[in-house]
C-alpha cells in the first residue's frame, strides 16, 4: 500500500529476493532481503528466534536504509497453519498495533502480510503482502 492508515487503495507491486539461514542450532533463523521498490532497491534483514518453553517466536526487522536501529520485536506463534505475530509501535506519531500473518505455508511457498491497527486491534489495515516462492 502506498500510503498507510490514510484510506489508500493504491498498491505498489514489486519483486525481491530473500535468502534464509538457520541459526542457534535450529532455534532461529536470519534472512537477507533485496527489496526492489519502484523508487529503488534496498536491503533489509530479519532475525527470528524461538523459545521452546513458551512456544513463542520473536521477530526483529532491520531496514538497510537505517541500519543503526532494530524494530520493536514482534511476538507470536503458529496455530492451525497460520503464524500470528503482534507488537505495539508508533507510526507517523500515532500509537498503533502491528500484526504479521504467515499463511499458505507449503514446502515451496508462503504468504506474509503486515497490517496496522490504530484502534487497539478492533480494525486492521493490511499494508504489505509478500508471496514467497522457494527457488533451488
N, C-alpha and C. Protein backbone atom coordinates (compact mmCIF):
# COMPACT_ATOMS: atom_id res chain seq x y z
N UNK A 1 0.85 -1.16 0.00
CA UNK A 1 0.00 0.00 0.00
C UNK A 1 0.90 1.23 0.00
N UNK A 2 0.54 2.20 -0.82
CA UNK A 2 1.40 3.38 -0.96
C UNK A 2 1.34 4.29 0.26
N UNK A 3 0.17 4.55 0.81
CA UNK A 3 0.02 5.44 1.98
C UNK A 3 -0.70 4.68 3.09
N UNK A 4 0.00 4.42 4.16
CA UNK A 4 -0.57 3.63 5.25
C UNK A 4 -1.44 4.48 6.18
N UNK A 5 -2.53 3.87 6.61
CA UNK A 5 -3.51 4.48 7.53
C UNK A 5 -4.06 5.80 7.00
N UNK A 6 -4.23 5.86 5.68
CA UNK A 6 -4.79 7.05 5.04
C UNK A 6 -6.01 6.70 4.19
N UNK A 7 -6.48 5.46 4.27
CA UNK A 7 -7.60 5.03 3.43
C UNK A 7 -7.20 4.80 1.99
N UNK A 8 -5.91 4.68 1.73
CA UNK A 8 -5.39 4.50 0.37
C UNK A 8 -5.73 3.10 -0.14
N UNK A 9 -6.02 3.00 -1.42
CA UNK A 9 -6.26 1.69 -2.05
C UNK A 9 -5.26 1.43 -3.17
N UNK A 10 -4.23 2.26 -3.29
CA UNK A 10 -3.21 2.09 -4.33
C UNK A 10 -2.06 1.25 -3.79
N UNK A 11 -1.68 0.25 -4.58
CA UNK A 11 -0.62 -0.66 -4.19
C UNK A 11 0.54 -0.57 -5.16
N UNK A 12 1.76 -0.68 -4.65
CA UNK A 12 2.94 -0.87 -5.48
C UNK A 12 3.19 -2.37 -5.57
N UNK A 13 3.48 -2.84 -6.76
CA UNK A 13 3.82 -4.25 -6.96
C UNK A 13 5.30 -4.29 -7.33
N UNK A 14 6.06 -5.12 -6.63
CA UNK A 14 7.50 -5.17 -6.87
C UNK A 14 8.03 -6.54 -6.50
N UNK A 15 9.23 -6.82 -6.93
CA UNK A 15 9.88 -8.10 -6.66
C UNK A 15 10.94 -7.97 -5.58
N UNK A 16 11.60 -9.07 -5.36
CA UNK A 16 12.68 -9.09 -4.40
C UNK A 16 13.18 -10.51 -4.20
N UNK A 17 14.23 -10.63 -3.42
CA UNK A 17 14.76 -11.95 -3.06
C UNK A 17 15.00 -11.99 -1.56
N UNK A 18 14.94 -13.19 -1.03
CA UNK A 18 15.14 -13.40 0.41
C UNK A 18 15.94 -14.68 0.58
N UNK A 19 17.09 -14.58 1.22
CA UNK A 19 17.93 -15.73 1.48
C UNK A 19 17.93 -16.00 2.98
N UNK A 20 17.51 -17.22 3.39
CA UNK A 20 17.31 -17.55 4.80
C UNK A 20 18.31 -18.61 5.24
N UNK A 21 18.84 -18.45 6.47
CA UNK A 21 19.75 -19.43 7.06
C UNK A 21 19.34 -19.72 8.50
N UNK A 22 19.44 -20.98 8.93
CA UNK A 22 19.17 -21.29 10.34
C UNK A 22 20.32 -20.81 11.21
N UNK A 23 19.99 -20.51 12.47
CA UNK A 23 20.99 -20.13 13.48
C UNK A 23 20.63 -20.81 14.80
N UNK A 24 21.52 -20.73 15.74
CA UNK A 24 21.29 -21.21 17.11
C UNK A 24 20.85 -22.67 17.15
N UNK A 25 21.43 -23.49 16.27
CA UNK A 25 21.10 -24.91 16.26
C UNK A 25 19.65 -25.19 15.94
N UNK A 26 19.02 -24.32 15.17
CA UNK A 26 17.62 -24.50 14.79
C UNK A 26 16.63 -23.70 15.61
N UNK A 27 17.10 -22.97 16.62
CA UNK A 27 16.20 -22.16 17.44
C UNK A 27 15.97 -20.77 16.85
N UNK A 28 16.37 -20.59 15.62
CA UNK A 28 16.14 -19.31 14.97
C UNK A 28 16.61 -19.32 13.54
N UNK A 29 16.43 -18.18 12.88
CA UNK A 29 16.95 -18.00 11.54
C UNK A 29 17.15 -16.52 11.27
N UNK A 30 17.93 -16.26 10.24
CA UNK A 30 18.19 -14.89 9.82
C UNK A 30 18.04 -14.86 8.31
N UNK A 31 17.47 -13.77 7.80
CA UNK A 31 17.38 -13.65 6.35
C UNK A 31 17.95 -12.32 5.89
N UNK A 32 18.37 -12.33 4.63
CA UNK A 32 18.90 -11.15 3.95
C UNK A 32 18.00 -10.90 2.75
N UNK A 33 17.41 -9.72 2.70
CA UNK A 33 16.43 -9.39 1.67
C UNK A 33 16.94 -8.31 0.74
N UNK A 34 16.62 -8.44 -0.54
CA UNK A 34 16.75 -7.36 -1.50
C UNK A 34 15.33 -7.02 -1.92
N UNK A 35 14.90 -5.80 -1.61
CA UNK A 35 13.54 -5.36 -1.88
C UNK A 35 13.60 -4.36 -3.01
N UNK A 36 12.97 -4.69 -4.12
CA UNK A 36 13.08 -3.91 -5.35
C UNK A 36 11.89 -2.97 -5.51
N UNK A 37 11.84 -1.92 -4.69
CA UNK A 37 10.76 -0.94 -4.77
C UNK A 37 10.83 -0.17 -6.08
N UNK A 38 9.71 0.36 -6.55
CA UNK A 38 9.72 1.14 -7.79
C UNK A 38 10.71 2.31 -7.76
N UNK A 39 10.93 2.90 -6.59
CA UNK A 39 11.85 4.03 -6.47
C UNK A 39 13.30 3.64 -6.26
N UNK A 40 13.58 2.35 -6.19
CA UNK A 40 14.95 1.88 -5.98
C UNK A 40 15.00 0.75 -4.97
N UNK A 41 15.97 -0.11 -5.15
CA UNK A 41 16.12 -1.29 -4.28
C UNK A 41 16.80 -0.91 -2.97
N UNK A 42 16.49 -1.68 -1.93
CA UNK A 42 17.21 -1.57 -0.67
C UNK A 42 17.30 -2.95 -0.04
N UNK A 43 18.15 -3.07 0.96
CA UNK A 43 18.34 -4.33 1.66
C UNK A 43 17.75 -4.24 3.06
N UNK A 44 17.36 -5.39 3.56
CA UNK A 44 16.85 -5.49 4.93
C UNK A 44 17.16 -6.89 5.44
N UNK A 45 17.09 -7.05 6.74
CA UNK A 45 17.33 -8.36 7.34
C UNK A 45 16.28 -8.61 8.41
N UNK A 46 16.01 -9.90 8.63
CA UNK A 46 15.10 -10.31 9.69
C UNK A 46 15.82 -11.31 10.57
N UNK A 47 15.68 -11.15 11.87
CA UNK A 47 16.19 -12.10 12.85
C UNK A 47 14.99 -12.69 13.57
N UNK A 48 14.91 -14.02 13.61
CA UNK A 48 13.82 -14.71 14.29
C UNK A 48 14.41 -15.71 15.29
N UNK A 49 13.83 -15.75 16.49
CA UNK A 49 14.25 -16.73 17.49
C UNK A 49 13.01 -17.40 18.09
N UNK A 50 13.19 -18.66 18.48
CA UNK A 50 12.10 -19.46 19.03
C UNK A 50 12.42 -19.83 20.47
N UNK A 51 11.46 -19.63 21.37
CA UNK A 51 11.59 -20.00 22.78
C UNK A 51 10.80 -21.30 23.00
N UNK A 52 11.49 -22.44 23.13
CA UNK A 52 10.78 -23.71 23.30
C UNK A 52 9.89 -23.75 24.55
N UNK A 53 10.25 -23.02 25.60
CA UNK A 53 9.47 -23.05 26.84
C UNK A 53 8.09 -22.43 26.63
N UNK A 54 8.01 -21.34 25.86
CA UNK A 54 6.73 -20.66 25.64
C UNK A 54 6.11 -20.99 24.29
N UNK A 55 6.91 -21.63 23.41
CA UNK A 55 6.50 -21.94 22.02
C UNK A 55 6.21 -20.65 21.24
N UNK A 56 6.87 -19.57 21.64
CA UNK A 56 6.69 -18.26 21.00
C UNK A 56 7.93 -17.91 20.17
N UNK A 57 7.66 -17.24 19.06
CA UNK A 57 8.70 -16.68 18.21
C UNK A 57 8.81 -15.18 18.49
N UNK A 58 10.02 -14.66 18.36
CA UNK A 58 10.27 -13.22 18.36
C UNK A 58 10.91 -12.87 17.03
N UNK A 59 10.48 -11.75 16.44
CA UNK A 59 10.93 -11.35 15.11
C UNK A 59 11.40 -9.90 15.16
N UNK A 60 12.62 -9.66 14.69
CA UNK A 60 13.17 -8.30 14.61
C UNK A 60 13.47 -7.97 13.15
N UNK A 61 13.12 -6.77 12.72
CA UNK A 61 13.36 -6.29 11.35
C UNK A 61 14.44 -5.22 11.39
N UNK A 62 15.39 -5.31 10.47
CA UNK A 62 16.45 -4.31 10.35
C UNK A 62 16.40 -3.78 8.92
N UNK A 63 16.13 -2.51 8.79
CA UNK A 63 15.99 -1.85 7.49
C UNK A 63 17.35 -1.28 7.08
N UNK A 64 17.85 -1.70 5.92
CA UNK A 64 19.15 -1.25 5.45
C UNK A 64 19.23 0.25 5.19
N UNK A 65 18.08 0.90 5.06
CA UNK A 65 18.09 2.35 4.86
C UNK A 65 18.35 3.09 6.17
N UNK A 66 18.22 2.38 7.29
CA UNK A 66 18.51 2.93 8.61
C UNK A 66 19.08 1.80 9.47
N UNK A 67 20.29 1.32 9.14
CA UNK A 67 20.81 0.10 9.75
C UNK A 67 21.28 0.24 11.19
N UNK A 68 21.14 1.41 11.79
CA UNK A 68 21.58 1.56 13.18
C UNK A 68 20.45 1.31 14.16
N UNK A 69 19.24 1.00 13.66
CA UNK A 69 18.11 0.70 14.55
C UNK A 69 17.52 -0.65 14.20
N UNK A 70 17.00 -1.30 15.22
CA UNK A 70 16.29 -2.57 15.06
C UNK A 70 14.86 -2.33 15.52
N UNK A 71 13.89 -2.73 14.71
CA UNK A 71 12.49 -2.51 15.06
C UNK A 71 12.10 -3.25 16.34
N UNK A 72 11.03 -2.80 16.94
CA UNK A 72 10.44 -3.44 18.11
C UNK A 72 10.12 -4.89 17.74
N UNK A 73 10.40 -5.86 18.63
CA UNK A 73 10.15 -7.25 18.25
C UNK A 73 8.66 -7.58 18.17
N UNK A 74 8.33 -8.35 17.15
CA UNK A 74 7.01 -8.96 17.02
C UNK A 74 7.07 -10.27 17.81
N UNK A 75 5.97 -10.64 18.46
CA UNK A 75 5.96 -11.91 19.19
C UNK A 75 4.68 -12.66 18.86
N UNK A 76 4.81 -13.98 18.74
CA UNK A 76 3.63 -14.77 18.46
C UNK A 76 3.97 -16.22 18.20
N UNK A 77 3.00 -16.94 17.61
CA UNK A 77 3.13 -18.38 17.43
C UNK A 77 2.32 -18.83 16.22
N UNK A 78 2.53 -20.08 15.87
CA UNK A 78 1.78 -20.71 14.79
C UNK A 78 0.67 -21.57 15.39
N UNK A 79 -0.52 -21.46 14.82
CA UNK A 79 -1.65 -22.27 15.24
C UNK A 79 -2.48 -22.58 14.00
N UNK A 80 -2.79 -23.86 13.81
CA UNK A 80 -3.60 -24.31 12.67
C UNK A 80 -3.02 -23.81 11.35
N UNK A 81 -1.69 -23.82 11.23
CA UNK A 81 -1.04 -23.46 9.98
C UNK A 81 -0.89 -21.98 9.70
N UNK A 82 -1.25 -21.13 10.66
CA UNK A 82 -1.12 -19.68 10.49
C UNK A 82 -0.29 -19.12 11.65
N UNK A 83 0.72 -18.33 11.30
CA UNK A 83 1.52 -17.65 12.31
C UNK A 83 0.99 -16.24 12.52
N UNK A 84 0.71 -15.87 13.76
CA UNK A 84 0.23 -14.53 14.09
C UNK A 84 1.21 -13.90 15.07
N UNK A 85 1.70 -12.72 14.71
CA UNK A 85 2.73 -12.03 15.49
C UNK A 85 2.30 -10.58 15.68
N UNK A 86 2.43 -10.06 16.90
CA UNK A 86 1.92 -8.74 17.23
C UNK A 86 2.96 -7.92 17.99
N UNK A 87 2.83 -6.60 17.88
CA UNK A 87 3.58 -5.68 18.74
C UNK A 87 2.87 -4.34 18.75
N UNK A 88 3.24 -3.51 19.70
CA UNK A 88 2.78 -2.13 19.74
C UNK A 88 3.91 -1.26 19.22
N UNK A 89 3.58 -0.24 18.43
CA UNK A 89 4.58 0.60 17.81
C UNK A 89 4.00 2.00 17.63
N UNK A 90 4.77 2.86 17.01
CA UNK A 90 4.32 4.21 16.67
C UNK A 90 4.54 4.41 15.18
N UNK A 91 3.53 4.91 14.49
CA UNK A 91 3.64 5.20 13.05
C UNK A 91 3.13 6.61 12.81
N UNK A 92 3.96 7.44 12.22
CA UNK A 92 3.61 8.84 11.96
C UNK A 92 3.07 9.53 13.21
N UNK A 93 3.70 9.25 14.36
CA UNK A 93 3.31 9.89 15.60
C UNK A 93 2.08 9.30 16.28
N UNK A 94 1.52 8.22 15.71
CA UNK A 94 0.32 7.58 16.27
C UNK A 94 0.68 6.24 16.88
N UNK A 95 0.11 5.95 18.05
CA UNK A 95 0.25 4.62 18.64
C UNK A 95 -0.56 3.64 17.80
N UNK A 96 0.07 2.54 17.42
CA UNK A 96 -0.61 1.52 16.62
C UNK A 96 -0.24 0.14 17.14
N UNK A 97 -1.01 -0.85 16.70
CA UNK A 97 -0.61 -2.24 16.82
C UNK A 97 -0.21 -2.70 15.43
N UNK A 98 0.79 -3.57 15.39
CA UNK A 98 1.26 -4.15 14.14
C UNK A 98 1.03 -5.64 14.21
N UNK A 99 0.57 -6.21 13.10
CA UNK A 99 0.33 -7.66 13.03
C UNK A 99 1.02 -8.21 11.79
N UNK A 100 1.75 -9.30 11.97
CA UNK A 100 2.27 -10.09 10.86
C UNK A 100 1.48 -11.39 10.83
N UNK A 101 1.09 -11.81 9.66
CA UNK A 101 0.47 -13.12 9.46
C UNK A 101 1.31 -13.92 8.47
N UNK A 102 1.66 -15.14 8.84
CA UNK A 102 2.27 -16.09 7.92
C UNK A 102 1.21 -17.14 7.62
N UNK A 103 0.93 -17.37 6.32
CA UNK A 103 -0.11 -18.33 5.94
C UNK A 103 0.26 -18.98 4.61
N UNK A 104 -0.62 -19.87 4.15
CA UNK A 104 -0.42 -20.57 2.87
C UNK A 104 0.97 -21.21 2.81
N UNK A 105 1.37 -21.79 3.92
CA UNK A 105 2.73 -22.31 4.05
C UNK A 105 2.80 -23.73 3.48
N UNK A 106 3.67 -23.90 2.49
CA UNK A 106 3.96 -25.21 1.92
C UNK A 106 5.48 -25.37 1.87
N UNK A 107 5.94 -26.50 1.34
CA UNK A 107 7.39 -26.69 1.19
C UNK A 107 7.99 -25.71 0.19
N UNK A 108 7.17 -25.18 -0.72
CA UNK A 108 7.69 -24.33 -1.78
C UNK A 108 7.22 -22.88 -1.73
N UNK A 109 6.31 -22.55 -0.82
CA UNK A 109 5.79 -21.18 -0.83
C UNK A 109 5.20 -20.80 0.53
N UNK A 110 5.00 -19.50 0.68
CA UNK A 110 4.36 -18.96 1.89
C UNK A 110 3.90 -17.54 1.59
N UNK A 111 2.94 -17.07 2.37
CA UNK A 111 2.47 -15.69 2.27
C UNK A 111 2.71 -14.99 3.61
N UNK A 112 3.17 -13.74 3.52
CA UNK A 112 3.37 -12.89 4.68
C UNK A 112 2.56 -11.62 4.48
N UNK A 113 1.86 -11.19 5.53
CA UNK A 113 1.08 -9.96 5.47
C UNK A 113 1.39 -9.11 6.69
N UNK A 114 1.46 -7.81 6.45
CA UNK A 114 1.61 -6.84 7.54
C UNK A 114 0.36 -5.99 7.60
N UNK A 115 -0.15 -5.76 8.80
CA UNK A 115 -1.33 -4.90 8.97
C UNK A 115 -1.11 -3.98 10.17
N UNK A 116 -1.71 -2.79 10.10
CA UNK A 116 -1.66 -1.82 11.18
C UNK A 116 -3.06 -1.63 11.73
N UNK A 117 -3.14 -1.41 13.05
CA UNK A 117 -4.41 -1.08 13.70
C UNK A 117 -4.22 0.18 14.54
N UNK A 118 -4.98 1.24 14.23
CA UNK A 118 -4.88 2.45 15.04
C UNK A 118 -5.85 2.46 16.23
N UNK A 119 -6.67 1.39 16.36
CA UNK A 119 -7.73 1.38 17.37
C UNK A 119 -7.64 0.18 18.32
N UNK A 120 -6.42 -0.21 18.66
CA UNK A 120 -6.25 -1.28 19.63
C UNK A 120 -6.61 -2.66 19.13
N UNK A 121 -6.57 -2.88 17.82
CA UNK A 121 -6.85 -4.19 17.26
C UNK A 121 -8.29 -4.44 16.87
N UNK A 122 -9.14 -3.42 16.96
CA UNK A 122 -10.54 -3.59 16.53
C UNK A 122 -10.63 -3.71 15.01
N UNK A 123 -9.86 -2.89 14.31
CA UNK A 123 -9.82 -2.96 12.84
C UNK A 123 -8.36 -3.01 12.40
N UNK A 124 -8.14 -3.62 11.24
CA UNK A 124 -6.80 -3.78 10.70
C UNK A 124 -6.77 -3.31 9.26
N UNK A 125 -5.70 -2.62 8.90
CA UNK A 125 -5.45 -2.24 7.51
C UNK A 125 -4.22 -3.00 7.04
N UNK A 126 -4.41 -3.92 6.10
CA UNK A 126 -3.28 -4.64 5.53
C UNK A 126 -2.52 -3.68 4.63
N UNK A 127 -1.21 -3.55 4.89
CA UNK A 127 -0.42 -2.57 4.16
C UNK A 127 0.71 -3.17 3.34
N UNK A 128 0.96 -4.47 3.49
CA UNK A 128 2.04 -5.09 2.73
C UNK A 128 1.76 -6.59 2.67
N UNK A 129 1.85 -7.15 1.48
CA UNK A 129 1.69 -8.59 1.27
C UNK A 129 2.88 -9.07 0.46
N UNK A 130 3.51 -10.15 0.92
CA UNK A 130 4.60 -10.77 0.16
C UNK A 130 4.26 -12.24 -0.04
N UNK A 131 4.35 -12.68 -1.28
CA UNK A 131 4.21 -14.09 -1.60
C UNK A 131 5.60 -14.63 -1.92
N UNK A 132 6.03 -15.61 -1.12
CA UNK A 132 7.36 -16.20 -1.27
C UNK A 132 7.27 -17.49 -2.08
N UNK A 133 8.24 -17.70 -2.96
CA UNK A 133 8.36 -18.94 -3.73
C UNK A 133 9.80 -19.42 -3.61
N UNK A 134 9.97 -20.66 -3.14
CA UNK A 134 11.31 -21.21 -2.96
C UNK A 134 11.95 -21.48 -4.32
N UNK A 135 13.22 -21.10 -4.42
CA UNK A 135 13.98 -21.38 -5.64
C UNK A 135 15.23 -22.13 -5.25
N UNK A 136 15.47 -23.25 -5.92
CA UNK A 136 16.66 -24.05 -5.62
C UNK A 136 17.49 -24.24 -6.84
